[in-house]
Amino acid sequence: MVQIEDDNGKKYKIEDLNSFKLHIKKYHSKDGKGDGSLHEENGYWFRVTEEFYDYVMGL
């Protein structure tokens, strides 16, 4: 299980990394880059910047 930090500094455990990546890719990216949108999951918030997108895809 992978753990990442949200925008508020809270630790979030990703239960299904593949599903998380697919969601970020499908709904929060454009042309293979983070689109700056805000992703909320179980009360945790993530701004999907290009840096965040690259980090998640590299996990």
PDB file of N, CA and C in Angstrom:
ATOM      1  N   MET A   1       0.842  -1.180   0.000  1.00  0.00           N
ATOM      2  CA  MET A   1       0.000   0.000   0.000  1.00  0.00           C
ATOM      3  C   MET A   1       0.890   1.247   0.000  1.00  0.00           C
ATOM      4  N   VAL A   2       0.514   2.219  -0.822  1.00  0.00           N
ATOM      5  CA  VAL A   2       1.277   3.453  -0.964  1.00  0.00           C
ATOM      6  C   VAL A   2       0.618   4.554  -0.144  1.00  0.00           C
ATOM      7  N   GLN A   3       1.445   5.407   0.436  1.00  0.00           N
ATOM      8  CA  GLN A   3       0.945   6.537   1.219  1.00  0.00           C
ATOM      9  C   GLN A   3       1.503   7.824   0.620  1.00  0.00           C
ATOM     10  N   ILE A   4       0.614   8.807   0.397  1.00  0.00           N
ATOM     11  CA  ILE A   4       1.044  10.107  -0.116  1.00  0.00           C
ATOM     12  C   ILE A   4       0.469  11.200   0.778  1.00  0.00           C
ATOM     13  N   GLU A   5       0.982  12.405   0.618  1.00  0.00           N
ATOM     14  CA  GLU A   5       0.537  13.540   1.424  1.00  0.00           C
ATOM     15  C   GLU A   5      -0.391  14.412   0.586  1.00  0.00           C
ATOM     16  N   ASP A   6      -1.537  14.812   1.183  1.00  0.00           N
ATOM     17  CA  ASP A   6      -2.463  15.670   0.448  1.00  0.00           C
ATOM     18  C   ASP A   6      -2.044  17.134   0.566  1.00  0.00           C
ATOM     19  N   ASP A   7      -2.832  18.028  -0.022  1.00  0.00           N
ATOM     20  CA  ASP A   7      -2.500  19.451  -0.042  1.00  0.00           C
ATOM     21  C   ASP A   7      -2.474  20.082   1.345  1.00  0.00           C
ATOM     22  N   ASN A   8      -3.122  19.444   2.304  1.00  0.00           N
ATOM     23  CA  ASN A   8      -3.171  19.960   3.673  1.00  0.00           C
ATOM     24  C   ASN A   8      -2.149  19.292   4.586  1.00  0.00           C
ATOM     25  N   GLY A   9      -1.283  18.466   4.011  1.00  0.00           N
ATOM     26  CA  GLY A   9      -0.245  17.807   4.791  1.00  0.00           C
ATOM     27  C   GLY A   9      -0.691  16.535   5.487  1.00  0.00           C
ATOM     28  N   LYS A  10      -1.918  16.063   5.184  1.00  0.00           N
ATOM     29  CA  LYS A  10      -2.418  14.826   5.788  1.00  0.00           C
ATOM     30  C   LYS A  10      -1.957  13.627   4.959  1.00  0.00           C
ATOM     31  N   LYS A  11      -1.583  12.557   5.644  1.00  0.00           N
ATOM     32  CA  LYS A  11      -1.144  11.329   4.980  1.00  0.00           C
ATOM     33  C   LYS A  11      -2.365  10.541   4.508  1.00  0.00           C
ATOM     34  N   TYR A  12      -2.327  10.111   3.251  1.00  0.00           N
ATOM     35  CA  TYR A  12      -3.418   9.337   2.672  1.00  0.00           C
ATOM     36  C   TYR A  12      -2.874   8.013   2.153  1.00  0.00           C
ATOM     37  N   LYS A  13      -3.500   6.922   2.565  1.00  0.00           N
ATOM     38  CA  LYS A  13      -3.116   5.589   2.104  1.00  0.00           C
ATOM     39  C   LYS A  13      -3.952   5.238   0.877  1.00  0.00           C
ATOM     40  N   ILE A  14      -3.283   5.017  -0.235  1.00  0.00           N
ATOM     41  CA  ILE A  14      -3.964   4.637  -1.471  1.00  0.00           C
ATOM     42  C   ILE A  14      -4.189   3.129  -1.437  1.00  0.00           C
ATOM     43  N   GLU A  15      -5.449   2.736  -1.350  1.00  0.00           N
ATOM     44  CA  GLU A  15      -5.794   1.313  -1.262  1.00  0.00           C
ATOM     45  C   GLU A  15      -5.540   0.589  -2.586  1.00  0.00           C
ATOM     46  N   ASP A  16      -5.915   1.227  -3.698  1.00  0.00           N
ATOM     47  CA  ASP A  16      -5.775   0.612  -5.018  1.00  0.00           C
ATOM     48  C   ASP A  16      -5.037   1.598  -5.922  1.00  0.00           C
ATOM     49  N   LEU A  17      -3.727   1.457  -5.983  1.00  0.00           N
ATOM     50  CA  LEU A  17      -2.892   2.400  -6.722  1.00  0.00           C
ATOM     51  C   LEU A  17      -3.268   2.455  -8.201  1.00  0.00           C
ATOM     52  N   ASN A  18      -3.545   1.323  -8.807  1.00  0.00           N
ATOM     53  CA  ASN A  18      -3.888   1.301 -10.225  1.00  0.00           C
ATOM     54  C   ASN A  18      -5.153   2.114 -10.503  1.00  0.00           C
ATOM     55  N   SER A  19      -6.178   1.941  -9.691  1.00  0.00           N
ATOM     56  CA  SER A  19      -7.427   2.694  -9.864  1.00  0.00           C
ATOM     57  C   SER A  19      -7.209   4.183  -9.641  1.00  0.00           C
ATOM     58  N   PHE A  20      -6.388   4.530  -8.647  1.00  0.00           N
ATOM     59  CA  PHE A  20      -6.077   5.932  -8.364  1.00  0.00           C
ATOM     60  C   PHE A  20      -5.404   6.560  -9.581  1.00  0.00           C
ATOM     61  N   LYS A  21      -4.408   5.875 -10.136  1.00  0.00           N
ATOM     62  CA  LYS A  21      -3.701   6.378 -11.312  1.00  0.00           C
ATOM     63  C   LYS A  21      -4.643   6.543 -12.503  1.00  0.00           C
ATOM     64  N   LEU A  22      -5.481   5.543 -12.738  1.00  0.00           N
ATOM     65  CA  LEU A  22      -6.410   5.611 -13.867  1.00  0.00           C
ATOM     66  C   LEU A  22      -7.363   6.792 -13.731  1.00  0.00           C
ATOM     67  N   HIS A  23      -7.857   7.034 -12.514  1.00  0.00           N
ATOM     68  CA  HIS A  23      -8.764   8.163 -12.287  1.00  0.00           C
ATOM     69  C   HIS A  23      -8.050   9.487 -12.542  1.00  0.00           C
ATOM     70  N   ILE A  24      -6.851   9.636 -12.006  1.00  0.00           N
ATOM     71  CA  ILE A  24      -6.079  10.869 -12.202  1.00  0.00           C
ATOM     72  C   ILE A  24      -5.822  11.081 -13.693  1.00  0.00           C
ATOM     73  N   LYS A  25      -5.459  10.024 -14.388  1.00  0.00           N
ATOM     74  CA  LYS A  25      -5.172  10.126 -15.822  1.00  0.00           C
ATOM     75  C   LYS A  25      -6.423  10.495 -16.620  1.00  0.00           C
ATOM     76  N   LYS A  26      -7.552   9.874 -16.293  1.00  0.00           N
ATOM     77  CA  LYS A  26      -8.787  10.084 -17.052  1.00  0.00           C
ATOM     78  C   LYS A  26      -9.439  11.435 -16.775  1.00  0.00           C
ATOM     79  N   TYR A  27      -9.468  11.857 -15.514  1.00  0.00           N
ATOM     80  CA  TYR A  27     -10.247  13.038 -15.132  1.00  0.00           C
ATOM     81  C   TYR A  27      -9.429  14.273 -14.765  1.00  0.00           C
ATOM     82  N   HIS A  28      -8.127  14.136 -14.590  1.00  0.00           N
ATOM     83  CA  HIS A  28      -7.332  15.263 -14.094  1.00  0.00           C
ATOM     84  C   HIS A  28      -6.072  15.526 -14.913  1.00  0.00           C
ATOM     85  N   SER A  29      -6.097  15.120 -16.182  1.00  0.00           N
ATOM     86  CA  SER A  29      -4.930  15.373 -17.030  1.00  0.00           C
ATOM     87  C   SER A  29      -5.370  15.729 -18.441  1.00  0.00           C
ATOM     88  N   LYS A  30      -4.445  16.342 -19.143  1.00  0.00           N
ATOM     89  CA  LYS A  30      -4.657  16.666 -20.552  1.00  0.00           C
ATOM     90  C   LYS A  30      -3.320  16.491 -21.255  1.00  0.00           C
ATOM     91  N   ASP A  31      -3.326  15.740 -22.327  1.00  0.00           N
ATOM     92  CA  ASP A  31      -2.109  15.487 -23.103  1.00  0.00           C
ATOM     93  C   ASP A  31      -0.971  14.940 -22.244  1.00  0.00           C
ATOM     94  N   GLY A  32      -1.311  14.056 -21.299  1.00  0.00           N
ATOM     95  CA  GLY A  32      -0.294  13.409 -20.473  1.00  0.00           C
ATOM     96  C   GLY A  32       0.326  14.284 -19.407  1.00  0.00           C
ATOM     97  N   LYS A  33      -0.371  15.365 -19.039  1.00  0.00           N
ATOM     98  CA  LYS A  33       0.125  16.269 -17.999  1.00  0.00           C
ATOM     99  C   LYS A  33      -1.011  16.601 -17.040  1.00  0.00           C
ATOM    100  N   GLY A  34      -0.659  16.853 -15.775  1.00  0.00           N
ATOM    101  CA  GLY A  34      -1.655  17.286 -14.812  1.00  0.00           C
ATOM    102  C   GLY A  34      -2.280  18.589 -15.277  1.00  0.00           C
ATOM    103  N   ASP A  35      -3.610  18.710 -15.106  1.00  0.00           N
ATOM    104  CA  ASP A  35      -4.309  19.880 -15.636  1.00  0.00           C
ATOM    105  C   ASP A  35      -4.606  20.956 -14.594  1.00  0.00           C
ATOM    106  N   GLY A  36      -4.086  20.791 -13.373  1.00  0.00           N
ATOM    107  CA  GLY A  36      -4.293  21.798 -12.332  1.00  0.00           C
ATOM    108  C   GLY A  36      -5.614  21.682 -11.607  1.00  0.00           C
ATOM    109  N   SER A  37      -6.402  20.661 -11.939  1.00  0.00           N
ATOM    110  CA  SER A  37      -7.695  20.485 -11.284  1.00  0.00           C
ATOM    111  C   SER A  37      -7.509  19.947  -9.866  1.00  0.00           C
ATOM    112  N   LEU A  38      -8.596  19.961  -9.110  1.00  0.00           N
ATOM    113  CA  LEU A  38      -8.576  19.514  -7.724  1.00  0.00           C
ATOM    114  C   LEU A  38      -9.244  18.150  -7.623  1.00  0.00           C
ATOM    115  N   HIS A  39      -8.536  17.194  -7.064  1.00  0.00           N
ATOM    116  CA  HIS A  39      -9.071  15.846  -6.855  1.00  0.00           C
ATOM    117  C   HIS A  39      -9.344  15.665  -5.373  1.00  0.00           C
ATOM    118  N   GLU A  40     -10.578  15.245  -5.043  1.00  0.00           N
ATOM    119  CA  GLU A  40     -10.953  14.958  -3.655  1.00  0.00           C
ATOM    120  C   GLU A  40     -11.198  13.465  -3.536  1.00  0.00           C
ATOM    121  N   GLU A  41     -10.654  12.883  -2.499  1.00  0.00           N
ATOM    122  CA  GLU A  41     -10.863  11.460  -2.259  1.00  0.00           C
ATOM    123  C   GLU A  41     -10.922  11.208  -0.762  1.00  0.00           C
ATOM    124  N   ASN A  42     -12.092  10.765  -0.303  1.00  0.00           N
ATOM    125  CA  ASN A  42     -12.287  10.415   1.108  1.00  0.00           C
ATOM    126  C   ASN A  42     -11.875  11.538   2.059  1.00  0.00           C
ATOM    127  N   GLY A  43     -12.148  12.782   1.678  1.00  0.00           N
ATOM    128  CA  GLY A  43     -11.822  13.919   2.538  1.00  0.00           C
ATOM    129  C   GLY A  43     -10.399  14.434   2.398  1.00  0.00           C
ATOM    130  N   TYR A  44      -9.644  13.889   1.472  1.00  0.00           N
ATOM    131  CA  TYR A  44      -8.279  14.334   1.188  1.00  0.00           C
ATOM    132  C   TYR A  44      -8.297  15.083  -0.144  1.00  0.00           C
ATOM    133  N   TRP A  45      -7.510  16.150  -0.235  1.00  0.00           N
ATOM    134  CA  TRP A  45      -7.516  17.012  -1.410  1.00  0.00           C
ATOM    135  C   TRP A  45      -6.146  17.038  -2.075  1.00  0.00           C
ATOM    136  N   PHE A  46      -6.154  16.921  -3.399  1.00  0.00           N
ATOM    137  CA  PHE A  46      -4.923  16.906  -4.179  1.00  0.00           C
ATOM    138  C   PHE A  46      -5.072  17.820  -5.394  1.00  0.00           C
ATOM    139  N   ARG A  47      -4.205  18.820  -5.510  1.00  0.00           N
ATOM    140  CA  ARG A  47      -4.151  19.654  -6.717  1.00  0.00           C
ATOM    141  C   ARG A  47      -3.286  18.894  -7.717  1.00  0.00           C
ATOM    142  N   VAL A  48      -3.863  18.581  -8.865  1.00  0.00           N
ATOM    143  CA  VAL A  48      -3.165  17.749  -9.842  1.00  0.00           C
ATOM    144  C   VAL A  48      -2.328  18.635 -10.777  1.00  0.00           C
ATOM    145  N   THR A  49      -1.186  19.043 -10.252  1.00  0.00           N
ATOM    146  CA  THR A  49      -0.207  19.796 -11.034  1.00  0.00           C
ATOM    147  C   THR A  49       0.574  18.821 -11.907  1.00  0.00           C
ATOM    148  N   GLU A  50       1.378  19.351 -12.801  1.00  0.00           N
ATOM    149  CA  GLU A  50       2.228  18.478 -13.611  1.00  0.00           C
ATOM    150  C   GLU A  50       3.175  17.687 -12.717  1.00  0.00           C
ATOM    151  N   GLU A  51       3.694  18.323 -11.676  1.00  0.00           N
ATOM    152  CA  GLU A  51       4.615  17.650 -10.753  1.00  0.00           C
ATOM    153  C   GLU A  51       3.912  16.511 -10.011  1.00  0.00           C
ATOM    154  N   PHE A  52       2.705  16.774  -9.488  1.00  0.00           N
ATOM    155  CA  PHE A  52       1.946  15.743  -8.778  1.00  0.00           C
ATOM    156  C   PHE A  52       1.610  14.591  -9.725  1.00  0.00           C
ATOM    157  N   TYR A  53       1.162  14.915 -10.919  1.00  0.00           N
ATOM    158  CA  TYR A  53       0.812  13.899 -11.912  1.00  0.00           C
ATOM    159  C   TYR A  53       2.012  12.987 -12.198  1.00  0.00           C
ATOM    160  N   ASP A  54       3.158  13.595 -12.461  1.00  0.00           N
ATOM    161  CA  ASP A  54       4.367  12.809 -12.742  1.00  0.00           C
ATOM    162  C   ASP A  54       4.751  11.935 -11.551  1.00  0.00           C
ATOM    163  N   TYR A  55       4.614  12.478 -10.342  1.00  0.00           N
ATOM    164  CA  TYR A  55       4.939  11.722  -9.132  1.00  0.00           C
ATOM    165  C   TYR A  55       4.040  10.485  -9.016  1.00  0.00           C
ATOM    166  N   VAL A  56       2.730  10.696  -9.157  1.00  0.00           N
ATOM    167  CA  VAL A  56       1.778   9.590  -9.020  1.00  0.00           C
ATOM    168  C   VAL A  56       2.004   8.542 -10.107  1.00  0.00           C
ATOM    169  N   MET A  57       2.202   8.973 -11.332  1.00  0.00           N
ATOM    170  CA  MET A  57       2.403   8.020 -12.426  1.00  0.00           C
ATOM    171  C   MET A  57       3.704   7.231 -12.251  1.00  0.00           C
ATOM    172  N   GLY A  58       4.648   7.776 -11.510  1.00  0.00           N
ATOM    173  CA  GLY A  58       5.909   7.088 -11.262  1.00  0.00           C
ATOM    174  C   GLY A  58       5.880   6.128 -10.087  1.00  0.00           C
ATOM    175  N   LEU A  59       4.775   6.100  -9.351  1.00  0.00           N
ATOM    176  CA  LEU A  59       4.679   5.205  -8.189  1.00  0.00           C
ATOM    177  C   LEU A  59       4.526   3.759  -8.625  1.00  0.00           C
TER     178      LEU A  59
END
